[in-house]
Amino acid sequence: MSKGGFGGRDNNLILLILLLLLLADNGFEEDNLLLIILLILLLSENNFGIRTEAD
C-alpha cells in the first residue's frame, strides 16, 4: 500500500491498536487510560514533528 512497505506512522498505528486490544482484554483502568492518552499524544507529536521538518 505505502511506498517501501510499512511507513513509520503505519507501524505506530498497528502498535497502538495492539496495545488497545491488550488493554481491552485486561479491562480498562484509569491508569491504563492515562497511559493510552500519553501514548497517543507522543505518537501524534512525533508525526507532526516529521511534517514540520518540510518547512
Protein backbone atom coordinates (compact mmCIF):
# COMPACT_ATOMS: atom_id res chain seq x y z
CA MET A 1 0.00 0.00 0.00
CA SER A 2 2.52 2.62 1.11
CA LYS A 3 5.88 3.15 -0.56
CA GLY A 4 8.67 0.88 0.65
CA GLY A 5 6.46 -1.33 2.80
CA PHE A 6 5.28 -0.01 6.16
CA GLY A 7 5.81 3.66 6.93
CA GLY A 8 6.70 4.72 10.48
CA ARG A 9 3.18 6.03 11.04
CA ASP A 10 1.63 2.73 9.96
CA ASN A 11 3.77 0.86 12.48
CA ASN A 12 2.77 3.28 15.25
CA LEU A 13 -0.87 2.77 14.40
CA ILE A 14 -0.51 -1.03 14.43
CA LEU A 15 1.26 -0.90 17.81
CA LEU A 16 -1.44 1.39 19.19
CA ILE A 17 -4.21 -0.94 18.03
CA LEU A 18 -2.43 -3.97 19.53
CA LEU A 19 -1.96 -2.09 22.81
CA LEU A 20 -5.63 -1.11 22.89
CA LEU A 21 -6.65 -4.72 22.26
CA LEU A 22 -4.40 -5.94 25.07
CA LEU A 23 -5.74 -3.34 27.48
CA ALA A 24 -9.34 -4.03 26.46
CA ASP A 25 -8.70 -7.70 27.14
CA ASN A 26 -7.44 -6.91 30.64
CA GLY A 27 -10.21 -4.40 31.31
CA PHE A 28 -9.70 -0.65 31.24
CA GLU A 29 -8.47 1.07 34.37
CA GLU A 30 -7.86 4.77 34.95
CA ASP A 31 -4.09 4.23 34.94
CA ASN A 32 -4.31 2.43 31.60
CA LEU A 33 -6.39 5.24 30.09
CA LEU A 34 -3.78 7.78 31.17
CA LEU A 35 -1.07 5.67 29.54
CA ILE A 36 -3.09 5.44 26.32
CA ILE A 37 -3.63 9.21 26.24
CA LEU A 38 0.08 9.81 26.82
CA LEU A 39 0.98 7.34 24.07
CA ILE A 40 -1.41 8.96 21.58
CA LEU A 41 -0.01 12.39 22.40
CA LEU A 42 3.55 11.16 21.96
CA LEU A 43 2.77 9.46 18.66
CA SER A 44 0.88 12.45 17.25
CA GLU A 45 3.66 14.82 18.35
CA ASN A 46 6.12 12.56 16.58
CA ASN A 47 4.07 12.60 13.37
CA PHE A 48 3.64 16.38 13.45
CA GLY A 49 7.38 16.75 14.05
CA ILE A 50 8.05 14.84 10.84
CA ARG A 51 5.60 17.06 8.95
CA THR A 52 7.06 20.35 10.18
CA GLU A 53 10.53 19.24 9.04
CA ALA A 54 9.48 20.08 5.47
CA ASP A 55 9.09 23.81 6.27
